[in-house]
Amino acid sequence: MRYSAEMGETILRKRGYRICHTSWIFFETLINDIKAVSMNNLNDPPRWNIQPDPRGRGAGAGDGNQWNYALLVPMLGLAAFRWIWTRESQREIQKVKDQYNKDVSTLTSEMKAQYHDTLTERRRAAATLELELEKERQRVKGYKQAMISQSQQLMEERKHLSQERQSLEEEKQRQVKSGAAGAVLHHALERESDWHRRATTTLRELEGQLVDRQNAYCSPIQPRDQRLEMEKNMLLKVVKDPIGAELDLESDLKDIFKRDKTCADLLNMDKRKNGSLMWVYLRYWQLQVSLQKHKRAEEAILGGKV
């Protein structure tokens, strides 16, 4: 039986095979060419090959010729199936590869975009932090300049008070040498000794409280509320004390609490090494007490109380 291209294609499609018309024509031509070649092998003994029956297929014809190609057709069919299967598999593999490359390209693009966004955000944050840091540096620089200016002003006042004190001492010596006037001045100063002693005691107590307050400010473990409570108690004490009001200690304490932020290193064990502005104020207050003592004595003499 001779199969045409249309019949072969129809049979394979009914059995579930996928093959194009051109492929079937190729295999049909191959089979016909093989049929044209003699099946006899001269190296084999006679009658080992199946000879074609010249009488064809009929009632009296032999049946050897119908088996001549019985094994060749399935082998060619398997070869065709393998070729088609390989081709389809390669197509599917290529399709999967293309999809994989597409997914990888999409993911790479998304990751690059996300990386650039993150990098831009980090750079923006870094620029903002640098700007804030520069502002803080300028603020600290301003504080330092203010501290230096305040210290210079206090030093000038201290120098002025020292000059006044020296002038008063010289005046005192002259008055003492003058006889009766010297005795009156000495008596007036003796009357003010009690005030001077009380003022000195107040300053000594205030010095200890300032040392404790500055130590609390510099300590990393003491709570802030405790320091604020100490500052509040000191302000209440100087407000109620007449000596504190006379020396105007309240405004000076507020200035210390606001501006004195000097601390020694973390391993420091001496409380008196902390602070800077408060020590300037303490020396200033001591000079002011001595000056007030002489002024009170002078007022007592001029007022006729001595």
C-alpha atoms as a PDB file:
ATOM      1  CA  MET A   1       0.000   0.000   0.000  1.00  0.00           C
ATOM      2  CA  ARG A   2       1.359   3.429  -0.967  1.00  0.00           C
ATOM      3  CA  TYR A   3       0.710   6.294   1.470  1.00  0.00           C
ATOM      4  CA  SER A   4       0.264   9.771   0.137  1.00  0.00           C
ATOM      5  CA  ALA A   5       1.256  12.902   2.016  1.00  0.00           C
ATOM      6  CA  GLU A   6      -2.370  13.738   2.840  1.00  0.00           C
ATOM      7  CA  MET A   7      -3.122  10.209   4.165  1.00  0.00           C
ATOM      8  CA  GLY A   8      -0.016  10.077   6.321  1.00  0.00           C
ATOM      9  CA  GLU A   9      -0.678  13.504   7.776  1.00  0.00           C
ATOM     10  CA  THR A  10      -4.305  12.515   8.514  1.00  0.00           C
ATOM     11  CA  ILE A  11      -3.275   9.264  10.274  1.00  0.00           C
ATOM     12  CA  LEU A  12      -0.693  10.990  12.444  1.00  0.00           C
ATOM     13  CA  ARG A  13      -3.104  13.780  13.392  1.00  0.00           C
ATOM     14  CA  LYS A  14      -5.750  11.190  14.401  1.00  0.00           C
ATOM     15  CA  ARG A  15      -3.189   9.519  16.662  1.00  0.00           C
ATOM     16  CA  GLY A  16      -2.327  12.793  18.334  1.00  0.00           C
ATOM     17  CA  TYR A  17       0.962  13.615  16.559  1.00  0.00           C
ATOM     18  CA  ARG A  18       1.718  17.162  15.466  1.00  0.00           C
ATOM     19  CA  ILE A  19       3.475  17.250  12.068  1.00  0.00           C
ATOM     20  CA  CYS A  20       3.356  19.654   9.199  1.00  0.00           C
ATOM     21  CA  HIS A  21       2.441  18.696   5.623  1.00  0.00           C
ATOM     22  CA  THR A  22       5.919  19.513   4.320  1.00  0.00           C
ATOM     23  CA  SER A  23       7.551  17.148   6.855  1.00  0.00           C
ATOM     24  CA  TRP A  24       5.312  14.288   5.751  1.00  0.00           C
ATOM     25  CA  ILE A  25       6.176  14.890   2.084  1.00  0.00           C
ATOM     26  CA  PHE A  26       9.846  14.677   3.090  1.00  0.00           C
ATOM     27  CA  PHE A  27       9.389  11.316   4.784  1.00  0.00           C
ATOM     28  CA  GLU A  28       7.237   9.989   1.863  1.00  0.00           C
ATOM     29  CA  THR A  29       9.984  10.876  -0.620  1.00  0.00           C
ATOM     30  CA  LEU A  30      12.562   9.169   1.617  1.00  0.00           C
ATOM     31  CA  ILE A  31      10.510   5.961   1.775  1.00  0.00           C
ATOM     32  CA  ASN A  32      10.007   5.890  -2.013  1.00  0.00           C
ATOM     33  CA  ASP A  33      13.763   6.323  -2.559  1.00  0.00           C
ATOM     34  CA  ILE A  34      14.486   3.428  -0.213  1.00  0.00           C
ATOM     35  CA  LYS A  35      11.955   1.262  -2.110  1.00  0.00           C
ATOM     36  CA  ALA A  36      13.739   1.989  -5.374  1.00  0.00           C
ATOM     37  CA  VAL A  37      16.923   0.393  -4.047  1.00  0.00           C
ATOM     38  CA  SER A  38      17.142  -3.402  -4.231  1.00  0.00           C
ATOM     39  CA  MET A  39      16.801  -5.111  -0.877  1.00  0.00           C
ATOM     40  CA  ASN A  40      19.118  -7.974  -1.912  1.00  0.00           C
ATOM     41  CA  ASN A  41      22.428  -8.213  -0.121  1.00  0.00           C
ATOM     42  CA  LEU A  42      24.993 -10.050  -2.307  1.00  0.00           C
ATOM     43  CA  ASN A  43      27.094 -10.863   0.755  1.00  0.00           C
ATOM     44  CA  ASP A  44      24.295 -12.982   2.237  1.00  0.00           C
ATOM     45  CA  PRO A  45      23.394 -16.493   1.109  1.00  0.00           C
ATOM     46  CA  PRO A  46      20.412 -16.884  -1.200  1.00  0.00           C
ATOM     47  CA  ARG A  47      16.869 -16.742   0.131  1.00  0.00           C
ATOM     48  CA  TRP A  48      17.927 -14.816   3.239  1.00  0.00           C
ATOM     49  CA  ASN A  49      16.476 -11.652   1.786  1.00  0.00           C
ATOM     50  CA  ILE A  50      12.806 -11.230   1.247  1.00  0.00           C
ATOM     51  CA  GLN A  51      12.358 -10.862  -2.489  1.00  0.00           C
ATOM     52  CA  PRO A  52       9.588  -8.699  -3.960  1.00  0.00           C
ATOM     53  CA  ASP A  53       6.735 -10.657  -5.439  1.00  0.00           C
ATOM     54  CA  PRO A  54       6.375  -9.605  -9.096  1.00  0.00           C
ATOM     55  CA  ARG A  55       2.828 -10.926  -9.195  1.00  0.00           C
ATOM     56  CA  GLY A  56       1.676  -8.318  -6.699  1.00  0.00           C
ATOM     57  CA  ARG A  57      -0.859  -8.950  -3.999  1.00  0.00           C
ATOM     58  CA  GLY A  58      -3.672 -11.198  -4.989  1.00  0.00           C
ATOM     59  CA  ALA A  59      -5.289 -14.501  -4.320  1.00  0.00           C
ATOM     60  CA  GLY A  60      -2.336 -16.557  -5.549  1.00  0.00           C
ATOM     61  CA  ALA A  61       0.432 -14.118  -4.782  1.00  0.00           C
ATOM     62  CA  GLY A  62       2.977 -14.596  -2.052  1.00  0.00           C
ATOM     63  CA  ASP A  63       2.697 -12.562   1.125  1.00  0.00           C
ATOM     64  CA  GLY A  64       6.414 -11.799   1.598  1.00  0.00           C
ATOM     65  CA  ASN A  65       6.309  -8.397  -0.059  1.00  0.00           C
ATOM     66  CA  GLN A  66       3.804  -6.949   2.415  1.00  0.00           C
ATOM     67  CA  TRP A  67       6.366  -7.324   5.195  1.00  0.00           C
ATOM     68  CA  ASN A  68       9.242  -5.757   3.341  1.00  0.00           C
ATOM     69  CA  TYR A  69       8.741  -2.386   4.941  1.00  0.00           C
ATOM     70  CA  ALA A  70       6.841  -3.427   8.064  1.00  0.00           C
ATOM     71  CA  LEU A  71       9.677  -2.340  10.409  1.00  0.00           C
ATOM     72  CA  LEU A  72      10.871   0.629   8.373  1.00  0.00           C
ATOM     73  CA  VAL A  73       7.686   2.674   8.722  1.00  0.00           C
ATOM     74  CA  PRO A  74       7.560   2.540  12.581  1.00  0.00           C
ATOM     75  CA  MET A  75      11.246   3.430  12.758  1.00  0.00           C
ATOM     76  CA  LEU A  76      10.745   6.383  10.475  1.00  0.00           C
ATOM     77  CA  GLY A  77       7.682   7.331  12.483  1.00  0.00           C
ATOM     78  CA  LEU A  78       9.687   7.221  15.710  1.00  0.00           C
ATOM     79  CA  ALA A  79      12.436   9.262  14.086  1.00  0.00           C
ATOM     80  CA  ALA A  80       9.881  11.791  12.897  1.00  0.00           C
ATOM     81  CA  PHE A  81       8.281  11.875  16.335  1.00  0.00           C
ATOM     82  CA  ARG A  82      11.665  12.392  17.959  1.00  0.00           C
ATOM     83  CA  TRP A  83      12.532  15.163  15.529  1.00  0.00           C
ATOM     84  CA  ILE A  84       9.189  16.868  16.102  1.00  0.00           C
ATOM     85  CA  TRP A  85       9.443  16.380  19.880  1.00  0.00           C
ATOM     86  CA  THR A  86      12.971  17.771  19.910  1.00  0.00           C
ATOM     87  CA  ARG A  87      11.906  20.746  17.855  1.00  0.00           C
ATOM     88  CA  GLU A  88       8.908  21.460  20.102  1.00  0.00           C
ATOM     89  CA  SER A  89      11.054  20.986  23.196  1.00  0.00           C
ATOM     90  CA  GLN A  90      13.632  23.418  21.878  1.00  0.00           C
ATOM     91  CA  ARG A  91      10.870  25.887  21.124  1.00  0.00           C
ATOM     92  CA  GLU A  92       9.509  25.551  24.672  1.00  0.00           C
ATOM     93  CA  ILE A  93      12.996  25.822  26.124  1.00  0.00           C
ATOM     94  CA  GLN A  94      13.672  28.940  24.074  1.00  0.00           C
ATOM     95  CA  LYS A  95      10.335  30.354  25.198  1.00  0.00           C
ATOM     96  CA  VAL A  96      11.189  29.709  28.845  1.00  0.00           C
ATOM     97  CA  LYS A  97      14.650  31.249  28.330  1.00  0.00           C
ATOM     98  CA  ASP A  98      13.140  34.337  26.738  1.00  0.00           C
ATOM     99  CA  GLN A  99      10.640  34.678  29.596  1.00  0.00           C
ATOM    100  CA  TYR A 100      13.433  34.182  32.134  1.00  0.00           C
ATOM    101  CA  ASN A 101      15.594  36.824  30.455  1.00  0.00           C
ATOM    102  CA  LYS A 102      12.631  39.165  30.357  1.00  0.00           C
ATOM    103  CA  ASP A 103      11.890  38.613  34.061  1.00  0.00           C
ATOM    104  CA  VAL A 104      15.547  39.074  34.969  1.00  0.00           C
ATOM    105  CA  SER A 105      15.717  42.273  32.914  1.00  0.00           C
ATOM    106  CA  THR A 106      12.547  43.613  34.553  1.00  0.00           C
ATOM    107  CA  LEU A 107      13.788  42.715  38.037  1.00  0.00           C
ATOM    108  CA  THR A 108      17.170  44.274  37.313  1.00  0.00           C
ATOM    109  CA  SER A 109      15.534  47.483  36.127  1.00  0.00           C
ATOM    110  CA  GLU A 110      13.332  47.625  39.224  1.00  0.00           C
ATOM    111  CA  MET A 111      16.278  46.995  41.539  1.00  0.00           C
ATOM    112  CA  LYS A 112      18.353  49.667  39.780  1.00  0.00           C
ATOM    113  CA  ALA A 113      15.498  52.151  40.098  1.00  0.00           C
ATOM    114  CA  GLN A 114      15.060  51.263  43.767  1.00  0.00           C
ATOM    115  CA  TYR A 115      18.812  51.567  44.321  1.00  0.00           C
ATOM    116  CA  HIS A 116      18.915  55.011  42.698  1.00  0.00           C
ATOM    117  CA  ASP A 117      15.899  56.140  44.744  1.00  0.00           C
ATOM    118  CA  THR A 118      17.484  54.894  47.954  1.00  0.00           C
ATOM    119  CA  LEU A 119      20.809  56.500  47.071  1.00  0.00           C
ATOM    120  CA  THR A 120      19.107  59.811  46.316  1.00  0.00           C
ATOM    121  CA  GLU A 121      17.188  59.681  49.590  1.00  0.00           C
ATOM    122  CA  ARG A 122      20.338  58.891  51.566  1.00  0.00           C
ATOM    123  CA  ARG A 123      22.220  61.728  49.898  1.00  0.00           C
ATOM    124  CA  ARG A 124      19.361  64.096  50.661  1.00  0.00           C
ATOM    125  CA  ALA A 125      19.343  62.958  54.298  1.00  0.00           C
ATOM    126  CA  ALA A 126      23.128  63.341  54.506  1.00  0.00           C
ATOM    127  CA  ALA A 127      22.905  66.869  53.086  1.00  0.00           C
ATOM    128  CA  THR A 128      20.197  67.739  55.620  1.00  0.00           C
ATOM    129  CA  LEU A 129      22.293  66.385  58.484  1.00  0.00           C
ATOM    130  CA  GLU A 130      25.332  68.311  57.287  1.00  0.00           C
ATOM    131  CA  LEU A 131      23.264  71.494  57.182  1.00  0.00           C
ATOM    132  CA  GLU A 132      21.952  70.903  60.700  1.00  0.00           C
ATOM    133  CA  LEU A 133      25.462  70.115  61.897  1.00  0.00           C
ATOM    134  CA  GLU A 134      26.743  73.356  60.422  1.00  0.00           C
ATOM    135  CA  LYS A 135      23.932  75.250  62.176  1.00  0.00           C
ATOM    136  CA  GLU A 136      24.864  73.610  65.480  1.00  0.00           C
ATOM    137  CA  ARG A 137      28.502  74.536  64.923  1.00  0.00           C
ATOM    138  CA  GLN A 138      27.552  78.143  64.315  1.00  0.00           C
ATOM    139  CA  ARG A 139      25.354  78.105  67.438  1.00  0.00           C
ATOM    140  CA  VAL A 140      28.169  76.661  69.543  1.00  0.00           C
ATOM    141  CA  LYS A 141      30.549  79.217  68.094  1.00  0.00           C
ATOM    142  CA  GLY A 142      28.111  81.958  69.074  1.00  0.00           C
ATOM    143  CA  TYR A 143      27.871  80.537  72.601  1.00  0.00           C
ATOM    144  CA  LYS A 144      31.653  80.468  72.891  1.00  0.00           C
ATOM    145  CA  GLN A 145      31.928  84.054  71.737  1.00  0.00           C
ATOM    146  CA  ALA A 146      29.229  85.078  74.211  1.00  0.00           C
ATOM    147  CA  MET A 147      31.049  83.230  77.007  1.00  0.00           C
ATOM    148  CA  ILE A 148      34.311  84.910  76.090  1.00  0.00           C
ATOM    149  CA  SER A 149      32.633  88.311  75.999  1.00  0.00           C
ATOM    150  CA  GLN A 150      30.921  87.666  79.342  1.00  0.00           C
ATOM    151  CA  SER A 151      34.181  86.511  80.896  1.00  0.00           C
ATOM    152  CA  GLN A 152      35.987  89.587  79.619  1.00  0.00           C
ATOM    153  CA  GLN A 153      33.246  91.799  81.009  1.00  0.00           C
ATOM    154  CA  LEU A 154      33.448  90.096  84.398  1.00  0.00           C
ATOM    155  CA  MET A 155      37.215  90.418  84.393  1.00  0.00           C
ATOM    156  CA  GLU A 156      36.887  94.121  83.668  1.00  0.00           C
ATOM    157  CA  GLU A 157      34.413  94.495  86.541  1.00  0.00           C
ATOM    158  CA  ARG A 158      36.699  92.525  88.808  1.00  0.00           C
ATOM    159  CA  LYS A 159      39.603  94.754  87.847  1.00  0.00           C
ATOM    160  CA  HIS A 160      37.474  97.814  88.512  1.00  0.00           C
ATOM    161  CA  LEU A 161      36.387  96.462  91.902  1.00  0.00           C
ATOM    162  CA  SER A 162      39.983  95.661  92.759  1.00  0.00           C
ATOM    163  CA  GLN A 163      40.943  99.224  91.967  1.00  0.00           C
ATOM    164  CA  GLU A 164      38.081 100.534  94.109  1.00  0.00           C
ATOM    165  CA  ARG A 165      39.063  98.200  96.910  1.00  0.00           C
ATOM    166  CA  GLN A 166      42.642  99.399  96.727  1.00  0.00           C
ATOM    167  CA  SER A 167      41.438 102.996  96.772  1.00  0.00           C
ATOM    168  CA  LEU A 168      39.281 102.275  99.829  1.00  0.00           C
ATOM    169  CA  GLU A 169      42.185 100.606 101.576  1.00  0.00           C
ATOM    170  CA  GLU A 170      44.346 103.617 100.882  1.00  0.00           C
ATOM    171  CA  GLU A 171      41.565 105.893 102.107  1.00  0.00           C
ATOM    172  CA  LYS A 172      41.206 103.718 105.188  1.00  0.00           C
ATOM    173  CA  GLN A 173      44.906 104.015 105.951  1.00  0.00           C
ATOM    174  CA  ARG A 174      44.753 107.761 105.567  1.00  0.00           C
ATOM    175  CA  GLN A 175      41.746 107.963 107.869  1.00  0.00           C
ATOM    176  CA  VAL A 176      43.438 105.746 110.429  1.00  0.00           C
ATOM    177  CA  LYS A 177      46.515 107.916 110.333  1.00  0.00           C
ATOM    178  CA  SER A 178      44.409 111.044 110.716  1.00  0.00           C
ATOM    179  CA  GLY A 179      43.545 110.228 114.326  1.00  0.00           C
ATOM    180  CA  ALA A 180      39.897 110.653 115.356  1.00  0.00           C
ATOM    181  CA  ALA A 181      38.589 110.075 111.850  1.00  0.00           C
ATOM    182  CA  GLY A 182      40.553 106.862 111.745  1.00  0.00           C
ATOM    183  CA  ALA A 183      39.029 105.706 114.994  1.00  0.00           C
ATOM    184  CA  VAL A 184      35.535 106.476 113.679  1.00  0.00           C
ATOM    185  CA  LEU A 185      36.190 104.514 110.473  1.00  0.00           C
ATOM    186  CA  HIS A 186      37.595 101.595 112.413  1.00  0.00           C
ATOM    187  CA  HIS A 187      34.531 101.584 114.643  1.00  0.00           C
ATOM    188  CA  ALA A 188      32.230 101.699 111.612  1.00  0.00           C
ATOM    189  CA  LEU A 189      34.049  98.780 109.988  1.00  0.00           C
ATOM    190  CA  GLU A 190      33.774  96.800 113.221  1.00  0.00           C
ATOM    191  CA  ARG A 191      30.010  97.351 113.164  1.00  0.00           C
ATOM    192  CA  GLU A 192      29.868  95.969 109.636  1.00  0.00           C
ATOM    193  CA  SER A 193      31.950  92.910 110.517  1.00  0.00           C
ATOM    194  CA  ASP A 194      28.830  90.953 111.450  1.00  0.00           C
ATOM    195  CA  TRP A 195      27.251  91.703 108.055  1.00  0.00           C
ATOM    196  CA  HIS A 196      30.493  90.795 106.328  1.00  0.00           C
ATOM    197  CA  ARG A 197      30.671  87.501 108.225  1.00  0.00           C
ATOM    198  CA  ARG A 198      27.086  86.584 107.340  1.00  0.00           C
ATOM    199  CA  ALA A 199      27.656  87.523 103.673  1.00  0.00           C
ATOM    200  CA  THR A 200      30.839  85.427 103.555  1.00  0.00           C
ATOM    201  CA  THR A 201      28.976  82.447 105.068  1.00  0.00           C
ATOM    202  CA  THR A 202      26.209  82.843 102.499  1.00  0.00           C
ATOM    203  CA  LEU A 203      28.731  82.879  99.650  1.00  0.00           C
ATOM    204  CA  ARG A 204      30.500  79.807 101.064  1.00  0.00           C
ATOM    205  CA  GLU A 205      27.217  77.868 101.229  1.00  0.00           C
ATOM    206  CA  LEU A 206      26.303  79.068  97.747  1.00  0.00           C
ATOM    207  CA  GLU A 207      29.692  77.908  96.450  1.00  0.00           C
ATOM    208  CA  GLY A 208      29.081  74.368  97.733  1.00  0.00           C
ATOM    209  CA  GLN A 209      25.617  74.305  96.180  1.00  0.00           C
ATOM    210  CA  LEU A 210      27.004  75.532  92.845  1.00  0.00           C
ATOM    211  CA  VAL A 211      29.678  72.817  92.901  1.00  0.00           C
ATOM    212  CA  ASP A 212      27.013  70.145  93.504  1.00  0.00           C
ATOM    213  CA  ARG A 213      24.775  71.622  90.809  1.00  0.00           C
ATOM    214  CA  GLN A 214      27.591  71.689  88.226  1.00  0.00           C
ATOM    215  CA  ASN A 215      28.535  68.118  89.129  1.00  0.00           C
ATOM    216  CA  ALA A 216      24.909  67.052  88.564  1.00  0.00           C
ATOM    217  CA  TYR A 217      24.934  68.865  85.207  1.00  0.00           C
ATOM    218  CA  CYS A 218      28.132  67.082  84.110  1.00  0.00           C
ATOM    219  CA  SER A 219      27.129  63.660  85.437  1.00  0.00           C
ATOM    220  CA  PRO A 220      25.708  61.283  82.790  1.00  0.00           C
ATOM    221  CA  ILE A 221      23.738  59.281  85.375  1.00  0.00           C
ATOM    222  CA  GLN A 222      22.062  61.924  87.552  1.00  0.00           C
ATOM    223  CA  PRO A 223      18.577  62.850  86.310  1.00  0.00           C
ATOM    224  CA  ARG A 224      17.852  66.282  84.922  1.00  0.00           C
ATOM    225  CA  ASP A 225      14.924  66.825  87.301  1.00  0.00           C
ATOM    226  CA  GLN A 226      17.263  66.589  90.281  1.00  0.00           C
ATOM    227  CA  ARG A 227      19.484  69.346  88.876  1.00  0.00           C
ATOM    228  CA  LEU A 228      16.496  71.579  88.144  1.00  0.00           C
ATOM    229  CA  GLU A 229      15.283  71.074  91.705  1.00  0.00           C
ATOM    230  CA  MET A 230      18.701  72.145  93.021  1.00  0.00           C
ATOM    231  CA  GLU A 231      18.623  75.294  90.863  1.00  0.00           C
ATOM    232  CA  LYS A 232      15.117  76.128  92.070  1.00  0.00           C
ATOM    233  CA  ASN A 233      16.118  75.794  95.732  1.00  0.00           C
ATOM    234  CA  MET A 234      19.165  78.052  95.253  1.00  0.00           C
ATOM    235  CA  LEU A 235      17.068  80.752  93.592  1.00  0.00           C
ATOM    236  CA  LEU A 236      14.477  80.632  96.386  1.00  0.00           C
ATOM    237  CA  LYS A 237      17.178  80.915  99.021  1.00  0.00           C
ATOM    238  CA  VAL A 238      18.902  83.990  97.528  1.00  0.00           C
ATOM    239  CA  VAL A 239      15.535  85.678  96.949  1.00  0.00           C
ATOM    240  CA  LYS A 240      14.536  85.259 100.613  1.00  0.00           C
ATOM    241  CA  ASP A 241      17.981  86.206 101.956  1.00  0.00           C
ATOM    242  CA  PRO A 242      18.473  90.011 102.295  1.00  0.00           C
ATOM    243  CA  ILE A 243      22.160  89.625 101.527  1.00  0.00           C
ATOM    244  CA  GLY A 244      21.338  87.818  98.279  1.00  0.00           C
ATOM    245  CA  ALA A 245      18.936  90.581  97.282  1.00  0.00           C
ATOM    246  CA  GLU A 246      21.515  93.262  98.156  1.00  0.00           C
ATOM    247  CA  LEU A 247      24.187  91.571  96.035  1.00  0.00           C
ATOM    248  CA  ASP A 248      21.692  90.780  93.217  1.00  0.00           C
ATOM    249  CA  LEU A 249      22.592  87.095  93.305  1.00  0.00           C
ATOM    250  CA  GLU A 250      19.382  85.947  91.587  1.00  0.00           C
ATOM    251  CA  SER A 251      20.205  87.340  88.123  1.00  0.00           C
ATOM    252  CA  ASP A 252      23.812  86.133  88.403  1.00  0.00           C
ATOM    253  CA  LEU A 253      22.660  82.602  89.279  1.00  0.00           C
ATOM    254  CA  LYS A 254      20.273  82.544  86.321  1.00  0.00           C
ATOM    255  CA  ASP A 255      23.144  83.581  84.051  1.00  0.00           C
ATOM    256  CA  ILE A 256      25.303  80.758  85.454  1.00  0.00           C
ATOM    257  CA  PHE A 257      22.548  78.179  84.965  1.00  0.00           C
ATOM    258  CA  LYS A 258      22.064  79.331  81.389  1.00  0.00           C
ATOM    259  CA  ARG A 259      25.658  79.737  80.191  1.00  0.00           C
ATOM    260  CA  ASP A 260      28.022  77.662  82.330  1.00  0.00           C
ATOM    261  CA  LYS A 261      28.271  74.301  80.518  1.00  0.00           C
ATOM    262  CA  THR A 262      31.940  73.569  81.201  1.00  0.00           C
ATOM    263  CA  CYS A 263      32.707  70.020  82.381  1.00  0.00           C
ATOM    264  CA  ALA A 264      35.913  68.121  83.064  1.00  0.00           C
ATOM    265  CA  ASP A 265      36.618  64.733  81.473  1.00  0.00           C
ATOM    266  CA  LEU A 266      34.480  61.694  82.323  1.00  0.00           C
ATOM    267  CA  LEU A 267      37.152  60.174  84.592  1.00  0.00           C
ATOM    268  CA  ASN A 268      37.338  63.301  86.745  1.00  0.00           C
ATOM    269  CA  MET A 269      36.682  62.674  90.444  1.00  0.00           C
ATOM    270  CA  ASP A 270      37.117  66.266  91.685  1.00  0.00           C
ATOM    271  CA  LYS A 271      33.850  68.211  91.637  1.00  0.00           C
ATOM    272  CA  ARG A 272      35.649  71.549  91.827  1.00  0.00           C
ATOM    273  CA  LYS A 273      37.204  71.042  88.386  1.00  0.00           C
ATOM    274  CA  ASN A 274      33.798  71.431  86.746  1.00  0.00           C
ATOM    275  CA  GLY A 275      32.442  74.815  85.749  1.00  0.00           C
ATOM    276  CA  SER A 276      34.094  78.005  84.590  1.00  0.00           C
ATOM    277  CA  LEU A 277      31.711  80.946  84.730  1.00  0.00           C
ATOM    278  CA  MET A 278      30.538  80.175  88.275  1.00  0.00           C
ATOM    279  CA  TRP A 279      34.087  80.575  89.657  1.00  0.00           C
ATOM    280  CA  VAL A 280      34.356  83.990  88.018  1.00  0.00           C
ATOM    281  CA  TYR A 281      31.062  84.987  89.630  1.00  0.00           C
ATOM    282  CA  LEU A 282      32.191  83.686  93.052  1.00  0.00           C
ATOM    283  CA  ARG A 283      35.326  85.851  92.971  1.00  0.00           C
ATOM    284  CA  TYR A 284      33.220  88.755  91.787  1.00  0.00           C
ATOM    285  CA  TRP A 285      30.782  88.275  94.697  1.00  0.00           C
ATOM    286  CA  GLN A 286      33.626  88.170  97.226  1.00  0.00           C
ATOM    287  CA  LEU A 287      34.984  91.469  95.940  1.00  0.00           C
ATOM    288  CA  GLN A 288      31.481  92.899  95.979  1.00  0.00           C
ATOM    289  CA  VAL A 289      31.028  91.863  99.642  1.00  0.00           C
ATOM    290  CA  SER A 290      34.247  93.660 100.609  1.00  0.00           C
ATOM    291  CA  LEU A 291      33.154  96.714  98.656  1.00  0.00           C
ATOM    292  CA  GLN A 292      29.690  96.699 100.244  1.00  0.00           C
ATOM    293  CA  LYS A 293      31.263  96.469 103.701  1.00  0.00           C
ATOM    294  CA  HIS A 294      33.196  99.679 103.154  1.00  0.00           C
ATOM    295  CA  LYS A 295      30.228 101.398 101.510  1.00  0.00           C
ATOM    296  CA  ARG A 296      27.993 100.535 104.467  1.00  0.00           C
ATOM    297  CA  ALA A 297      30.649 101.864 106.857  1.00  0.00           C
ATOM    298  CA  GLU A 298      30.913 105.048 104.803  1.00  0.00           C
ATOM    299  CA  GLU A 299      27.138 105.513 104.816  1.00  0.00           C
ATOM    300  CA  ALA A 300      27.089 104.964 108.599  1.00  0.00           C
ATOM    301  CA  ILE A 301      29.760 107.627 109.097  1.00  0.00           C
ATOM    302  CA  LEU A 302      28.080 110.118 106.781  1.00  0.00           C
ATOM    303  CA  GLY A 303      24.698 109.412 108.342  1.00  0.00           C
ATOM    304  CA  GLY A 304      25.980 110.110 111.840  1.00  0.00           C
ATOM    305  CA  LYS A 305      25.218 106.614 113.079  1.00  0.00           C
ATOM    306  CA  VAL A 306      28.735 106.145 114.450  1.00  0.00           C
END
